[in-house]
């Protein structure tokens, strides 16, 4: 990294700043997660390498500013893990993973000086993941529905409120109620032991696979999607869907 940023290094690398590198870091983290989900160890190894390189890159940028280096990053991480695992590195005792998570959050709150339970949930997270995190934290102190059946009631309630707002021709209220519906669905999935972000990814994968099959069938007929009617594409879609079922 020092060579890439050096006098005879790469012009592109030399121009980068922490701000310009941030988006690449997010992209690589998603690629790691995708490789893990796909169960492809070779791809995980490669993507972890890409992510590690970006971490080294960012640490180098801050080192050049005289703020910290990669060694400082590793030391801070080790200190934090020791501090947050008193049941491993100290005399504390815990019973089960749930108690570990609760204790972790307590220690983290003390470290950050947070005022509320939901402080520290980044607004920059994907919206579905953030909704899951927010509701999970609230659930730890009992602010939750008893089970999936009660969340279903909330989903139905939100659907009714959307319909009522639509009938009153209140677009802004419709949008707000749609947001409430999405939040309720995230909670329903949480109660079913699912993560909304992952579930929606799988739904997107299914849609892509099926639409690509529609494209192939149209191609067999000498057509492109833009040359077909909605009815033709829907008929092919329904045929494929029946096949999947």
C-alpha atoms as a PDB file:
ATOM      1  CA  UNK A   1       0.000   0.000   0.000  1.00  0.00           C
ATOM      2  CA  UNK A   2       2.876   2.336   0.752  1.00  0.00           C
ATOM      3  CA  UNK A   3       4.291   1.594  -2.702  1.00  0.00           C
ATOM      4  CA  UNK A   4       0.938   2.197  -4.398  1.00  0.00           C
ATOM      5  CA  UNK A   5       0.617   5.538  -2.622  1.00  0.00           C
ATOM      6  CA  UNK A   6       4.282   6.423  -3.084  1.00  0.00           C
ATOM      7  CA  UNK A   7       6.157   8.710  -5.467  1.00  0.00           C
ATOM      8  CA  UNK A   8       6.331   6.145  -8.268  1.00  0.00           C
ATOM      9  CA  UNK A   9       3.070   4.429  -7.413  1.00  0.00           C
ATOM     10  CA  UNK A  10      -0.387   4.376  -8.948  1.00  0.00           C
ATOM     11  CA  UNK A  11      -1.964   7.755  -9.830  1.00  0.00           C
ATOM     12  CA  UNK A  12      -5.450   6.516  -8.963  1.00  0.00           C
ATOM     13  CA  UNK A  13      -4.413   5.191  -5.551  1.00  0.00           C
ATOM     14  CA  UNK A  14      -2.527   8.403  -4.855  1.00  0.00           C
ATOM     15  CA  UNK A  15      -5.666  10.498  -5.413  1.00  0.00           C
ATOM     16  CA  UNK A  16      -7.912   8.618  -2.988  1.00  0.00           C
ATOM     17  CA  UNK A  17      -9.202   9.949   0.334  1.00  0.00           C
ATOM     18  CA  UNK A  18     -11.158   8.271   3.147  1.00  0.00           C
ATOM     19  CA  UNK A  19     -14.309   9.834   1.737  1.00  0.00           C
ATOM     20  CA  UNK A  20     -13.775   8.423  -1.767  1.00  0.00           C
ATOM     21  CA  UNK A  21     -12.943   4.954  -0.403  1.00  0.00           C
ATOM     22  CA  UNK A  22     -16.041   4.616   1.779  1.00  0.00           C
ATOM     23  CA  UNK A  23     -18.390   3.385  -0.979  1.00  0.00           C
ATOM     24  CA  UNK A  24     -15.880   0.750  -2.107  1.00  0.00           C
ATOM     25  CA  UNK A  25     -15.709  -0.574   1.450  1.00  0.00           C
ATOM     26  CA  UNK A  26     -19.497  -0.989   1.565  1.00  0.00           C
ATOM     27  CA  UNK A  27     -19.529  -2.723  -1.835  1.00  0.00           C
ATOM     28  CA  UNK A  28     -16.821  -5.186  -0.822  1.00  0.00           C
ATOM     29  CA  UNK A  29     -18.593  -5.992   2.446  1.00  0.00           C
ATOM     30  CA  UNK A  30     -21.737  -6.864   0.479  1.00  0.00           C
ATOM     31  CA  UNK A  31     -19.698  -9.042  -1.871  1.00  0.00           C
ATOM     32  CA  UNK A  32     -18.264 -10.935   1.100  1.00  0.00           C
ATOM     33  CA  UNK A  33     -21.783 -11.489   2.453  1.00  0.00           C
ATOM     34  CA  UNK A  34     -22.994 -12.666  -0.948  1.00  0.00           C
ATOM     35  CA  UNK A  35     -20.137 -15.166  -1.266  1.00  0.00           C
ATOM     36  CA  UNK A  36     -20.866 -16.487   2.244  1.00  0.00           C
ATOM     37  CA  UNK A  37     -24.579 -16.882   1.417  1.00  0.00           C
ATOM     38  CA  UNK A  38     -23.690 -18.733  -1.784  1.00  0.00           C
ATOM     39  CA  UNK A  39     -21.569 -21.187   0.198  1.00  0.00           C
ATOM     40  CA  UNK A  40     -18.519 -20.710  -2.020  1.00  0.00           C
ATOM     41  CA  UNK A  41     -15.331 -20.846   0.113  1.00  0.00           C
ATOM     42  CA  UNK A  42     -13.027 -19.835  -2.751  1.00  0.00           C
ATOM     43  CA  UNK A  43     -15.160 -16.773  -3.454  1.00  0.00           C
ATOM     44  CA  UNK A  44     -15.279 -15.937   0.267  1.00  0.00           C
ATOM     45  CA  UNK A  45     -11.494 -16.115   0.438  1.00  0.00           C
ATOM     46  CA  UNK A  46     -11.135 -13.787  -2.534  1.00  0.00           C
ATOM     47  CA  UNK A  47     -13.730 -11.291  -1.334  1.00  0.00           C
ATOM     48  CA  UNK A  48     -12.261 -11.247   2.176  1.00  0.00           C
ATOM     49  CA  UNK A  49      -8.940 -10.394   0.580  1.00  0.00           C
ATOM     50  CA  UNK A  50     -10.513  -7.488  -1.287  1.00  0.00           C
ATOM     51  CA  UNK A  51     -12.153  -6.255   1.913  1.00  0.00           C
ATOM     52  CA  UNK A  52      -8.911  -6.625   3.867  1.00  0.00           C
ATOM     53  CA  UNK A  53      -7.058  -4.644   1.212  1.00  0.00           C
ATOM     54  CA  UNK A  54      -9.527  -1.771   1.567  1.00  0.00           C
ATOM     55  CA  UNK A  55      -9.081  -1.813   5.351  1.00  0.00           C
ATOM     56  CA  UNK A  56      -5.318  -1.611   4.848  1.00  0.00           C
ATOM     57  CA  UNK A  57      -5.891   1.179   2.304  1.00  0.00           C
ATOM     58  CA  UNK A  58      -8.022   3.256   4.700  1.00  0.00           C
ATOM     59  CA  UNK A  59      -5.616   2.717   7.600  1.00  0.00           C
ATOM     60  CA  UNK A  60      -2.760   3.892   5.374  1.00  0.00           C
ATOM     61  CA  UNK A  61      -4.640   7.086   4.489  1.00  0.00           C
ATOM     62  CA  UNK A  62      -5.080   7.927   8.169  1.00  0.00           C
ATOM     63  CA  UNK A  63      -1.479   6.950   8.921  1.00  0.00           C
ATOM     64  CA  UNK A  64      -0.328   9.493   6.339  1.00  0.00           C
ATOM     65  CA  UNK A  65      -2.315  12.113   8.240  1.00  0.00           C
ATOM     66  CA  UNK A  66      -0.555  11.114  11.456  1.00  0.00           C
ATOM     67  CA  UNK A  67      -3.798  10.012  13.130  1.00  0.00           C
ATOM     68  CA  UNK A  68      -3.406   6.221  13.530  1.00  0.00           C
ATOM     69  CA  UNK A  69      -2.025   3.162  11.760  1.00  0.00           C
ATOM     70  CA  UNK A  70      -3.157  -0.416  11.182  1.00  0.00           C
ATOM     71  CA  UNK A  71      -1.485  -1.579  14.380  1.00  0.00           C
ATOM     72  CA  UNK A  72      -3.592   0.904  16.351  1.00  0.00           C
ATOM     73  CA  UNK A  73      -6.727  -0.468  14.685  1.00  0.00           C
ATOM     74  CA  UNK A  74      -5.849  -4.050  15.671  1.00  0.00           C
ATOM     75  CA  UNK A  75      -4.957  -3.086  19.252  1.00  0.00           C
ATOM     76  CA  UNK A  76      -8.209  -1.164  19.716  1.00  0.00           C
ATOM     77  CA  UNK A  77     -10.195  -4.099  18.362  1.00  0.00           C
ATOM     78  CA  UNK A  78      -8.454  -6.524  20.732  1.00  0.00           C
ATOM     79  CA  UNK A  79      -9.012  -4.236  23.719  1.00  0.00           C
ATOM     80  CA  UNK A  80     -12.689  -3.901  22.824  1.00  0.00           C
ATOM     81  CA  UNK A  81     -13.213  -7.663  22.477  1.00  0.00           C
ATOM     82  CA  UNK A  82     -11.534  -8.309  25.844  1.00  0.00           C
ATOM     83  CA  UNK A  83     -13.655  -5.605  27.499  1.00  0.00           C
ATOM     84  CA  UNK A  84     -16.892  -6.917  25.993  1.00  0.00           C
ATOM     85  CA  UNK A  85     -16.188 -10.552  26.921  1.00  0.00           C
ATOM     86  CA  UNK A  86     -15.754 -10.389  30.694  1.00  0.00           C
ATOM     87  CA  UNK A  87     -17.150 -13.941  30.874  1.00  0.00           C
ATOM     88  CA  UNK A  88     -14.115 -15.120  28.868  1.00  0.00           C
ATOM     89  CA  UNK A  89     -11.339 -12.759  29.974  1.00  0.00           C
ATOM     90  CA  UNK A  90     -12.652 -11.925  33.446  1.00  0.00           C
ATOM     91  CA  UNK A  91     -14.634 -13.336  36.340  1.00  0.00           C
ATOM     92  CA  UNK A  92     -18.145 -12.686  34.995  1.00  0.00           C
ATOM     93  CA  UNK A  93     -20.516 -15.590  34.415  1.00  0.00           C
ATOM     94  CA  UNK A  94     -23.258 -15.880  31.802  1.00  0.00           C
ATOM     95  CA  UNK A  95     -25.912 -18.443  30.955  1.00  0.00           C
ATOM     96  CA  UNK A  96     -26.471 -18.795  27.248  1.00  0.00           C
ATOM     97  CA  UNK A  97     -26.013 -16.661  24.163  1.00  0.00           C
ATOM     98  CA  UNK A  98     -28.983 -14.374  24.935  1.00  0.00           C
ATOM     99  CA  UNK A  99     -27.362 -13.218  28.153  1.00  0.00           C
ATOM    100  CA  UNK A 100     -24.096 -12.643  26.292  1.00  0.00           C
ATOM    101  CA  UNK A 101     -25.884 -10.368  23.810  1.00  0.00           C
ATOM    102  CA  UNK A 102     -27.611  -8.447  26.587  1.00  0.00           C
ATOM    103  CA  UNK A 103     -24.360  -7.935  28.476  1.00  0.00           C
ATOM    104  CA  UNK A 104     -22.607  -6.919  25.238  1.00  0.00           C
ATOM    105  CA  UNK A 105     -25.187  -4.190  24.639  1.00  0.00           C
ATOM    106  CA  UNK A 106     -24.862  -2.916  28.211  1.00  0.00           C
ATOM    107  CA  UNK A 107     -21.091  -2.644  27.925  1.00  0.00           C
ATOM    108  CA  UNK A 108     -21.343  -1.038  24.487  1.00  0.00           C
ATOM    109  CA  UNK A 109     -23.838   1.524  25.799  1.00  0.00           C
ATOM    110  CA  UNK A 110     -21.489   2.427  28.648  1.00  0.00           C
ATOM    111  CA  UNK A 111     -18.601   2.824  26.207  1.00  0.00           C
ATOM    112  CA  UNK A 112     -20.508   5.019  23.780  1.00  0.00           C
ATOM    113  CA  UNK A 113     -22.298   7.059  26.405  1.00  0.00           C
ATOM    114  CA  UNK A 114     -25.592   6.359  24.674  1.00  0.00           C
ATOM    115  CA  UNK A 115     -28.707   7.862  26.212  1.00  0.00           C
ATOM    116  CA  UNK A 116     -31.254   5.433  24.747  1.00  0.00           C
ATOM    117  CA  UNK A 117     -31.553   1.784  23.821  1.00  0.00           C
ATOM    118  CA  UNK A 118     -31.825   2.584  20.110  1.00  0.00           C
ATOM    119  CA  UNK A 119     -28.918   5.011  19.973  1.00  0.00           C
ATOM    120  CA  UNK A 120     -26.080   3.713  17.852  1.00  0.00           C
ATOM    121  CA  UNK A 121     -28.202   1.964  15.218  1.00  0.00           C
ATOM    122  CA  UNK A 122     -26.767   3.593  12.074  1.00  0.00           C
ATOM    123  CA  UNK A 123     -29.288   5.391   9.904  1.00  0.00           C
ATOM    124  CA  UNK A 124     -27.044   4.562   6.941  1.00  0.00           C
ATOM    125  CA  UNK A 125     -27.883   0.847   7.213  1.00  0.00           C
ATOM    126  CA  UNK A 126     -30.176  -0.666   4.574  1.00  0.00           C
ATOM    127  CA  UNK A 127     -33.695   0.230   5.664  1.00  0.00           C
ATOM    128  CA  UNK A 128     -34.946  -3.333   6.185  1.00  0.00           C
ATOM    129  CA  UNK A 129     -31.860  -4.293   8.180  1.00  0.00           C
ATOM    130  CA  UNK A 130     -32.199  -1.143  10.292  1.00  0.00           C
ATOM    131  CA  UNK A 131     -35.870  -1.873  10.996  1.00  0.00           C
ATOM    132  CA  UNK A 132     -34.922  -5.392  12.098  1.00  0.00           C
ATOM    133  CA  UNK A 133     -32.163  -4.060  14.360  1.00  0.00           C
ATOM    134  CA  UNK A 134     -34.374  -1.365  15.924  1.00  0.00           C
ATOM    135  CA  UNK A 135     -37.236  -3.729  16.678  1.00  0.00           C
ATOM    136  CA  UNK A 136     -34.874  -6.432  17.974  1.00  0.00           C
ATOM    137  CA  UNK A 137     -33.350  -4.003  20.452  1.00  0.00           C
ATOM    138  CA  UNK A 138     -36.758  -2.854  21.647  1.00  0.00           C
ATOM    139  CA  UNK A 139     -37.815  -6.487  22.028  1.00  0.00           C
ATOM    140  CA  UNK A 140     -34.967  -7.108  24.489  1.00  0.00           C
ATOM    141  CA  UNK A 141     -36.749  -4.970  27.074  1.00  0.00           C
ATOM    142  CA  UNK A 142     -40.161  -6.520  26.361  1.00  0.00           C
ATOM    143  CA  UNK A 143     -41.436  -3.918  23.881  1.00  0.00           C
ATOM    144  CA  UNK A 144     -42.707  -6.467  21.372  1.00  0.00           C
ATOM    145  CA  UNK A 145     -45.705  -8.501  20.266  1.00  0.00           C
ATOM    146  CA  UNK A 146     -46.229 -11.811  22.095  1.00  0.00           C
ATOM    147  CA  UNK A 147     -45.976 -13.827  18.875  1.00  0.00           C
ATOM    148  CA  UNK A 148     -46.544 -13.993  15.090  1.00  0.00           C
ATOM    149  CA  UNK A 149     -50.342 -14.047  15.401  1.00  0.00           C
ATOM    150  CA  UNK A 150     -50.385 -10.599  17.018  1.00  0.00           C
ATOM    151  CA  UNK A 151     -48.013  -9.239  14.370  1.00  0.00           C
ATOM    152  CA  UNK A 152     -50.387 -10.580  11.697  1.00  0.00           C
ATOM    153  CA  UNK A 153     -53.135  -8.504  13.318  1.00  0.00           C
ATOM    154  CA  UNK A 154     -50.870  -5.444  13.027  1.00  0.00           C
ATOM    155  CA  UNK A 155     -50.204  -6.189   9.344  1.00  0.00           C
ATOM    156  CA  UNK A 156     -53.952  -6.386   8.670  1.00  0.00           C
ATOM    157  CA  UNK A 157     -54.485  -3.153  10.610  1.00  0.00           C
ATOM    158  CA  UNK A 158     -51.867  -1.357   8.502  1.00  0.00           C
ATOM    159  CA  UNK A 159     -53.439  -2.654   5.281  1.00  0.00           C
ATOM    160  CA  UNK A 160     -56.766  -1.209   6.390  1.00  0.00           C
ATOM    161  CA  UNK A 161     -55.171   2.143   7.173  1.00  0.00           C
ATOM    162  CA  UNK A 162     -53.536   2.236   3.737  1.00  0.00           C
ATOM    163  CA  UNK A 163     -56.870   1.554   2.073  1.00  0.00           C
ATOM    164  CA  UNK A 164     -58.611   4.206   4.154  1.00  0.00           C
ATOM    165  CA  UNK A 165     -55.965   6.823   3.351  1.00  0.00           C
ATOM    166  CA  UNK A 166     -56.196   5.952  -0.347  1.00  0.00           C
ATOM    167  CA  UNK A 167     -59.967   6.350  -0.288  1.00  0.00           C
ATOM    168  CA  UNK A 168     -59.581   9.780   1.331  1.00  0.00           C
ATOM    169  CA  UNK A 169     -57.090  10.758  -1.409  1.00  0.00           C
ATOM    170  CA  UNK A 170     -54.260  11.514   0.993  1.00  0.00           C
ATOM    171  CA  UNK A 171     -51.067  10.509  -0.865  1.00  0.00           C
ATOM    172  CA  UNK A 172     -48.669  11.523   1.905  1.00  0.00           C
ATOM    173  CA  UNK A 173     -50.609   9.504   4.456  1.00  0.00           C
ATOM    174  CA  UNK A 174     -50.662   6.505   2.097  1.00  0.00           C
ATOM    175  CA  UNK A 175     -46.876   6.636   1.870  1.00  0.00           C
ATOM    176  CA  UNK A 176     -46.565   6.856   5.651  1.00  0.00           C
ATOM    177  CA  UNK A 177     -48.909   3.906   6.151  1.00  0.00           C
ATOM    178  CA  UNK A 178     -46.989   1.878   3.563  1.00  0.00           C
ATOM    179  CA  UNK A 179     -43.864   2.498   5.635  1.00  0.00           C
ATOM    180  CA  UNK A 180     -45.696   1.258   8.732  1.00  0.00           C
ATOM    181  CA  UNK A 181     -46.764  -1.849   6.801  1.00  0.00           C
ATOM    182  CA  UNK A 182     -43.185  -2.586   5.775  1.00  0.00           C
ATOM    183  CA  UNK A 183     -42.058  -2.168   9.370  1.00  0.00           C
ATOM    184  CA  UNK A 184     -44.789  -4.553  10.534  1.00  0.00           C
ATOM    185  CA  UNK A 185     -43.746  -7.129   7.921  1.00  0.00           C
ATOM    186  CA  UNK A 186     -40.131  -6.877   9.112  1.00  0.00           C
ATOM    187  CA  UNK A 187     -41.381  -7.704  12.603  1.00  0.00           C
ATOM    188  CA  UNK A 188     -43.503 -10.586  11.343  1.00  0.00           C
ATOM    189  CA  UNK A 189     -40.457 -12.083   9.678  1.00  0.00           C
ATOM    190  CA  UNK A 190     -38.415 -11.523  12.845  1.00  0.00           C
ATOM    191  CA  UNK A 191     -41.007 -13.461  14.851  1.00  0.00           C
ATOM    192  CA  UNK A 192     -40.793 -16.242  12.272  1.00  0.00           C
ATOM    193  CA  UNK A 193     -37.020 -16.371  12.762  1.00  0.00           C
ATOM    194  CA  UNK A 194     -36.246 -14.680   9.441  1.00  0.00           C
ATOM    195  CA  UNK A 195     -34.334 -11.562   8.443  1.00  0.00           C
ATOM    196  CA  UNK A 196     -36.279  -9.275   6.105  1.00  0.00           C
ATOM    197  CA  UNK A 197     -33.168  -8.162   4.219  1.00  0.00           C
ATOM    198  CA  UNK A 198     -32.235 -11.755   3.392  1.00  0.00           C
ATOM    199  CA  UNK A 199     -35.819 -12.725   2.569  1.00  0.00           C
ATOM    200  CA  UNK A 200     -36.160  -9.842   0.125  1.00  0.00           C
ATOM    201  CA  UNK A 201     -32.811 -10.737  -1.459  1.00  0.00           C
ATOM    202  CA  UNK A 202     -34.118 -14.261  -2.068  1.00  0.00           C
ATOM    203  CA  UNK A 203     -37.330 -12.863  -3.526  1.00  0.00           C
ATOM    204  CA  UNK A 204     -35.274 -10.667  -5.842  1.00  0.00           C
ATOM    205  CA  UNK A 205     -33.208 -13.680  -6.906  1.00  0.00           C
ATOM    206  CA  UNK A 206     -36.392 -15.628  -7.649  1.00  0.00           C
ATOM    207  CA  UNK A 207     -37.831 -12.735  -9.673  1.00  0.00           C
ATOM    208  CA  UNK A 208     -34.608 -12.364 -11.664  1.00  0.00           C
ATOM    209  CA  UNK A 209     -34.386 -16.091 -12.409  1.00  0.00           C
ATOM    210  CA  UNK A 210     -38.000 -16.268 -13.550  1.00  0.00           C
ATOM    211  CA  UNK A 211     -37.849 -13.092 -15.655  1.00  0.00           C
ATOM    212  CA  UNK A 212     -34.678 -14.328 -17.352  1.00  0.00           C
ATOM    213  CA  UNK A 213     -36.578 -17.532 -18.181  1.00  0.00           C
ATOM    214  CA  UNK A 214     -39.346 -15.390 -19.704  1.00  0.00           C
ATOM    215  CA  UNK A 215     -36.716 -13.628 -21.803  1.00  0.00           C
ATOM    216  CA  UNK A 216     -35.375 -16.960 -23.035  1.00  0.00           C
ATOM    217  CA  UNK A 217     -38.830 -18.159 -24.034  1.00  0.00           C
ATOM    218  CA  UNK A 218     -39.479 -14.927 -25.880  1.00  0.00           C
ATOM    219  CA  UNK A 219     -36.135 -15.316 -27.619  1.00  0.00           C
ATOM    220  CA  UNK A 220     -37.235 -18.785 -28.777  1.00  0.00           C
ATOM    221  CA  UNK A 221     -40.167 -17.004 -30.431  1.00  0.00           C
ATOM    222  CA  UNK A 222     -37.872 -14.454 -32.040  1.00  0.00           C
ATOM    223  CA  UNK A 223     -38.961 -11.680 -29.664  1.00  0.00           C
ATOM    224  CA  UNK A 224     -37.312  -9.325 -27.194  1.00  0.00           C
ATOM    225  CA  UNK A 225     -39.196  -8.210 -24.063  1.00  0.00           C
ATOM    226  CA  UNK A 226     -39.841  -4.741 -25.472  1.00  0.00           C
ATOM    227  CA  UNK A 227     -41.479  -6.364 -28.512  1.00  0.00           C
ATOM    228  CA  UNK A 228     -43.858  -8.513 -26.455  1.00  0.00           C
ATOM    229  CA  UNK A 229     -47.107  -7.433 -24.859  1.00  0.00           C
ATOM    230  CA  UNK A 230     -47.664  -7.438 -21.110  1.00  0.00           C
ATOM    231  CA  UNK A 231     -50.239 -10.191 -21.609  1.00  0.00           C
ATOM    232  CA  UNK A 232     -47.711 -12.402 -23.435  1.00  0.00           C
ATOM    233  CA  UNK A 233     -45.100 -11.929 -20.729  1.00  0.00           C
ATOM    234  CA  UNK A 234     -47.633 -12.519 -17.946  1.00  0.00           C
ATOM    235  CA  UNK A 235     -48.773 -15.755 -19.608  1.00  0.00           C
ATOM    236  CA  UNK A 236     -45.187 -17.015 -19.798  1.00  0.00           C
ATOM    237  CA  UNK A 237     -44.614 -15.886 -16.202  1.00  0.00           C
ATOM    238  CA  UNK A 238     -47.655 -17.813 -14.978  1.00  0.00           C
ATOM    239  CA  UNK A 239     -46.554 -20.923 -16.890  1.00  0.00           C
ATOM    240  CA  UNK A 240     -43.129 -20.770 -15.230  1.00  0.00           C
ATOM    241  CA  UNK A 241     -44.670 -20.129 -11.836  1.00  0.00           C
ATOM    242  CA  UNK A 242     -46.889 -23.206 -12.159  1.00  0.00           C
ATOM    243  CA  UNK A 243     -43.814 -25.197 -13.097  1.00  0.00           C
ATOM    244  CA  UNK A 244     -42.002 -23.991  -9.969  1.00  0.00           C
ATOM    245  CA  UNK A 245     -44.974 -24.908  -7.785  1.00  0.00           C
END
